[in-house]
């Protein structure tokens, strides 16, 4: 059995979405293009999430990249995320879900989390067995 290859349409659209969010996060940037790309991705079935969750997750990933590659404590993506909530494109719950997913990945990657983050993640995770299995791989420090 041969596994399917990468979905080039999804990859291309994801790259376009990231680029549009970078532009939108810049001073004076406009989020319209990013919102339209996210809508197209949802409408074409390229993602299984809704527009808000797609935007929130992509912003969290860009934020993580910004912090880890530049060491900067200034995060232009946080301001954009709050703007998208204010205009009704994302919800606070979608941002929280994206944040917790990023924390879970970070914890699994490094093998540990600070106690406060670990506890917050544990409280938000519920009883899903796959979540619990990932959480078990993370040391609480």
C-alpha atoms as a PDB file:
ATOM      1  CA  UNK A   1       0.000   0.000   0.000  1.00  0.00           C
ATOM      2  CA  UNK A   2       1.374   3.378  -0.993  1.00  0.00           C
ATOM      3  CA  UNK A   3       0.741   6.375   1.227  1.00  0.00           C
ATOM      4  CA  UNK A   4      -0.470   9.561  -0.425  1.00  0.00           C
ATOM      5  CA  UNK A   5       2.115  12.260  -1.078  1.00  0.00           C
ATOM      6  CA  UNK A   6       1.970  15.797   0.186  1.00  0.00           C
ATOM      7  CA  UNK A   7      -1.045  17.884  -0.763  1.00  0.00           C
ATOM      8  CA  UNK A   8       0.569  20.625  -2.826  1.00  0.00           C
ATOM      9  CA  UNK A   9      -2.588  22.772  -2.903  1.00  0.00           C
ATOM     10  CA  UNK A  10      -2.787  22.731   0.881  1.00  0.00           C
ATOM     11  CA  UNK A  11       0.922  23.476   1.232  1.00  0.00           C
ATOM     12  CA  UNK A  12       0.727  26.372  -1.241  1.00  0.00           C
ATOM     13  CA  UNK A  13      -2.340  27.831   0.443  1.00  0.00           C
ATOM     14  CA  UNK A  14      -0.734  27.456   3.875  1.00  0.00           C
ATOM     15  CA  UNK A  15       2.337  29.326   2.680  1.00  0.00           C
ATOM     16  CA  UNK A  16       0.128  32.067   1.235  1.00  0.00           C
ATOM     17  CA  UNK A  17      -1.777  32.302   4.516  1.00  0.00           C
ATOM     18  CA  UNK A  18       1.444  32.636   6.512  1.00  0.00           C
ATOM     19  CA  UNK A  19       2.716  35.362   4.165  1.00  0.00           C
ATOM     20  CA  UNK A  20      -0.571  37.254   4.395  1.00  0.00           C
ATOM     21  CA  UNK A  21      -0.479  37.068   8.199  1.00  0.00           C
ATOM     22  CA  UNK A  22       3.099  38.375   8.258  1.00  0.00           C
ATOM     23  CA  UNK A  23       1.942  41.368   6.201  1.00  0.00           C
ATOM     24  CA  UNK A  24      -1.154  41.811   8.385  1.00  0.00           C
ATOM     25  CA  UNK A  25       0.938  41.791  11.581  1.00  0.00           C
ATOM     26  CA  UNK A  26       3.224  44.561  10.318  1.00  0.00           C
ATOM     27  CA  UNK A  27       2.447  48.110  11.445  1.00  0.00           C
ATOM     28  CA  UNK A  28      -0.466  49.363   9.382  1.00  0.00           C
ATOM     29  CA  UNK A  29      -1.093  45.873   8.008  1.00  0.00           C
ATOM     30  CA  UNK A  30      -4.465  44.688   6.785  1.00  0.00           C
ATOM     31  CA  UNK A  31      -5.821  41.222   7.615  1.00  0.00           C
ATOM     32  CA  UNK A  32      -8.290  41.080   4.701  1.00  0.00           C
ATOM     33  CA  UNK A  33      -6.094  38.922   2.448  1.00  0.00           C
ATOM     34  CA  UNK A  34      -5.339  36.467   5.259  1.00  0.00           C
ATOM     35  CA  UNK A  35      -9.033  36.146   6.103  1.00  0.00           C
ATOM     36  CA  UNK A  36      -9.891  35.539   2.441  1.00  0.00           C
ATOM     37  CA  UNK A  37      -7.178  32.886   2.074  1.00  0.00           C
ATOM     38  CA  UNK A  38      -8.396  31.133   5.225  1.00  0.00           C
ATOM     39  CA  UNK A  39     -11.972  31.200   3.890  1.00  0.00           C
ATOM     40  CA  UNK A  40     -10.795  29.692   0.592  1.00  0.00           C
ATOM     41  CA  UNK A  41      -8.891  26.943   2.392  1.00  0.00           C
ATOM     42  CA  UNK A  42     -11.981  26.036   4.415  1.00  0.00           C
ATOM     43  CA  UNK A  43     -14.346  26.250   1.425  1.00  0.00           C
ATOM     44  CA  UNK A  44     -12.070  24.087  -0.757  1.00  0.00           C
ATOM     45  CA  UNK A  45     -11.786  21.454   1.967  1.00  0.00           C
ATOM     46  CA  UNK A  46      -8.029  21.921   2.344  1.00  0.00           C
ATOM     47  CA  UNK A  47      -8.372  21.987   6.141  1.00  0.00           C
ATOM     48  CA  UNK A  48     -10.699  20.283   8.583  1.00  0.00           C
ATOM     49  CA  UNK A  49     -10.987  23.236  10.959  1.00  0.00           C
ATOM     50  CA  UNK A  50     -12.969  26.412  10.666  1.00  0.00           C
ATOM     51  CA  UNK A  51     -11.565  29.765   9.611  1.00  0.00           C
ATOM     52  CA  UNK A  52     -11.043  31.047  13.147  1.00  0.00           C
ATOM     53  CA  UNK A  53      -9.160  27.982  14.335  1.00  0.00           C
ATOM     54  CA  UNK A  54      -7.035  27.961  11.169  1.00  0.00           C
ATOM     55  CA  UNK A  55      -6.055  31.602  11.654  1.00  0.00           C
ATOM     56  CA  UNK A  56      -5.439  31.173  15.387  1.00  0.00           C
ATOM     57  CA  UNK A  57      -3.268  28.083  14.883  1.00  0.00           C
ATOM     58  CA  UNK A  58      -1.252  29.701  12.112  1.00  0.00           C
ATOM     59  CA  UNK A  59      -0.723  32.817  14.232  1.00  0.00           C
ATOM     60  CA  UNK A  60       0.502  30.705  17.155  1.00  0.00           C
ATOM     61  CA  UNK A  61       2.965  28.929  14.893  1.00  0.00           C
ATOM     62  CA  UNK A  62       4.238  32.222  13.466  1.00  0.00           C
ATOM     63  CA  UNK A  63       4.518  33.609  16.987  1.00  0.00           C
ATOM     64  CA  UNK A  64       6.549  30.594  18.084  1.00  0.00           C
ATOM     65  CA  UNK A  65       8.853  30.976  15.062  1.00  0.00           C
ATOM     66  CA  UNK A  66       9.286  34.696  15.785  1.00  0.00           C
ATOM     67  CA  UNK A  67      10.253  34.109  19.393  1.00  0.00           C
ATOM     68  CA  UNK A  68      12.578  31.159  18.779  1.00  0.00           C
ATOM     69  CA  UNK A  69      14.396  32.587  15.756  1.00  0.00           C
ATOM     70  CA  UNK A  70      14.810  36.177  16.917  1.00  0.00           C
ATOM     71  CA  UNK A  71      14.683  35.828  20.691  1.00  0.00           C
ATOM     72  CA  UNK A  72      12.414  38.854  20.632  1.00  0.00           C
ATOM     73  CA  UNK A  73       9.920  39.421  23.402  1.00  0.00           C
ATOM     74  CA  UNK A  74       7.847  41.616  21.089  1.00  0.00           C
ATOM     75  CA  UNK A  75       5.199  39.546  19.346  1.00  0.00           C
ATOM     76  CA  UNK A  76       3.308  41.283  16.529  1.00  0.00           C
ATOM     77  CA  UNK A  77       1.131  38.204  16.070  1.00  0.00           C
ATOM     78  CA  UNK A  78      -0.437  38.513  19.527  1.00  0.00           C
ATOM     79  CA  UNK A  79      -1.727  41.977  18.675  1.00  0.00           C
ATOM     80  CA  UNK A  80      -3.116  40.687  15.371  1.00  0.00           C
ATOM     81  CA  UNK A  81      -4.770  37.731  17.121  1.00  0.00           C
ATOM     82  CA  UNK A  82      -6.555  40.060  19.532  1.00  0.00           C
ATOM     83  CA  UNK A  83      -7.620  42.256  16.612  1.00  0.00           C
ATOM     84  CA  UNK A  84      -9.124  39.215  14.855  1.00  0.00           C
ATOM     85  CA  UNK A  85     -11.073  38.396  18.024  1.00  0.00           C
ATOM     86  CA  UNK A  86     -12.263  42.009  18.290  1.00  0.00           C
ATOM     87  CA  UNK A  87     -13.630  41.968  14.730  1.00  0.00           C
ATOM     88  CA  UNK A  88     -15.241  38.549  15.169  1.00  0.00           C
ATOM     89  CA  UNK A  89     -12.992  36.517  12.865  1.00  0.00           C
ATOM     90  CA  UNK A  90     -11.637  34.327  15.694  1.00  0.00           C
ATOM     91  CA  UNK A  91     -12.957  33.606  19.146  1.00  0.00           C
ATOM     92  CA  UNK A  92     -11.050  33.742  22.395  1.00  0.00           C
ATOM     93  CA  UNK A  93     -11.681  29.991  22.727  1.00  0.00           C
ATOM     94  CA  UNK A  94     -10.021  29.359  19.347  1.00  0.00           C
ATOM     95  CA  UNK A  95      -6.975  31.355  20.447  1.00  0.00           C
ATOM     96  CA  UNK A  96      -6.845  29.394  23.706  1.00  0.00           C
ATOM     97  CA  UNK A  97      -7.079  26.089  21.839  1.00  0.00           C
ATOM     98  CA  UNK A  98      -4.277  27.131  19.478  1.00  0.00           C
ATOM     99  CA  UNK A  99      -2.134  28.258  22.407  1.00  0.00           C
ATOM    100  CA  UNK A 100      -2.647  25.011  24.299  1.00  0.00           C
ATOM    101  CA  UNK A 101      -1.858  22.951  21.186  1.00  0.00           C
ATOM    102  CA  UNK A 102       1.404  24.908  20.760  1.00  0.00           C
ATOM    103  CA  UNK A 103       2.261  24.366  24.457  1.00  0.00           C
ATOM    104  CA  UNK A 104       1.594  20.630  24.095  1.00  0.00           C
ATOM    105  CA  UNK A 105       3.887  20.372  21.054  1.00  0.00           C
ATOM    106  CA  UNK A 106       6.559  22.422  22.796  1.00  0.00           C
ATOM    107  CA  UNK A 107       6.354  20.199  25.882  1.00  0.00           C
ATOM    108  CA  UNK A 108       6.623  16.998  23.877  1.00  0.00           C
ATOM    109  CA  UNK A 109       9.536  18.414  21.844  1.00  0.00           C
ATOM    110  CA  UNK A 110      11.592  19.481  24.852  1.00  0.00           C
ATOM    111  CA  UNK A 111      10.366  16.780  27.246  1.00  0.00           C
ATOM    112  CA  UNK A 112       9.278  19.157  30.006  1.00  0.00           C
ATOM    113  CA  UNK A 113       7.160  22.198  30.861  1.00  0.00           C
ATOM    114  CA  UNK A 114       7.195  24.697  33.674  1.00  0.00           C
ATOM    115  CA  UNK A 115       4.701  23.661  36.367  1.00  0.00           C
ATOM    116  CA  UNK A 116       2.247  26.506  35.653  1.00  0.00           C
ATOM    117  CA  UNK A 117       2.052  25.683  31.934  1.00  0.00           C
ATOM    118  CA  UNK A 118       1.879  21.949  32.609  1.00  0.00           C
ATOM    119  CA  UNK A 119      -0.990  22.428  35.067  1.00  0.00           C
ATOM    120  CA  UNK A 120      -2.879  24.690  32.681  1.00  0.00           C
ATOM    121  CA  UNK A 121      -2.434  22.195  29.874  1.00  0.00           C
ATOM    122  CA  UNK A 122      -3.507  19.286  32.066  1.00  0.00           C
ATOM    123  CA  UNK A 123      -6.647  21.131  33.192  1.00  0.00           C
ATOM    124  CA  UNK A 124      -7.606  22.030  29.626  1.00  0.00           C
ATOM    125  CA  UNK A 125      -6.933  18.611  28.136  1.00  0.00           C
ATOM    126  CA  UNK A 126      -9.781  16.546  29.477  1.00  0.00           C
ATOM    127  CA  UNK A 127      -9.703  12.748  29.354  1.00  0.00           C
ATOM    128  CA  UNK A 128      -8.870  12.172  25.691  1.00  0.00           C
ATOM    129  CA  UNK A 129      -6.556   9.119  25.642  1.00  0.00           C
ATOM    130  CA  UNK A 130      -4.293  10.495  22.887  1.00  0.00           C
ATOM    131  CA  UNK A 131      -3.882  13.759  24.805  1.00  0.00           C
ATOM    132  CA  UNK A 132      -3.134  11.866  28.015  1.00  0.00           C
ATOM    133  CA  UNK A 133      -0.514   9.777  26.194  1.00  0.00           C
ATOM    134  CA  UNK A 134       1.240  12.923  24.964  1.00  0.00           C
ATOM    135  CA  UNK A 135       1.010  14.577  28.364  1.00  0.00           C
ATOM    136  CA  UNK A 136       2.648  11.515  29.942  1.00  0.00           C
ATOM    137  CA  UNK A 137       5.722  12.232  27.802  1.00  0.00           C
ATOM    138  CA  UNK A 138       6.171  15.648  29.427  1.00  0.00           C
ATOM    139  CA  UNK A 139       7.923  16.204  32.751  1.00  0.00           C
ATOM    140  CA  UNK A 140       6.387  18.809  35.062  1.00  0.00           C
ATOM    141  CA  UNK A 141       9.092  21.148  36.417  1.00  0.00           C
END
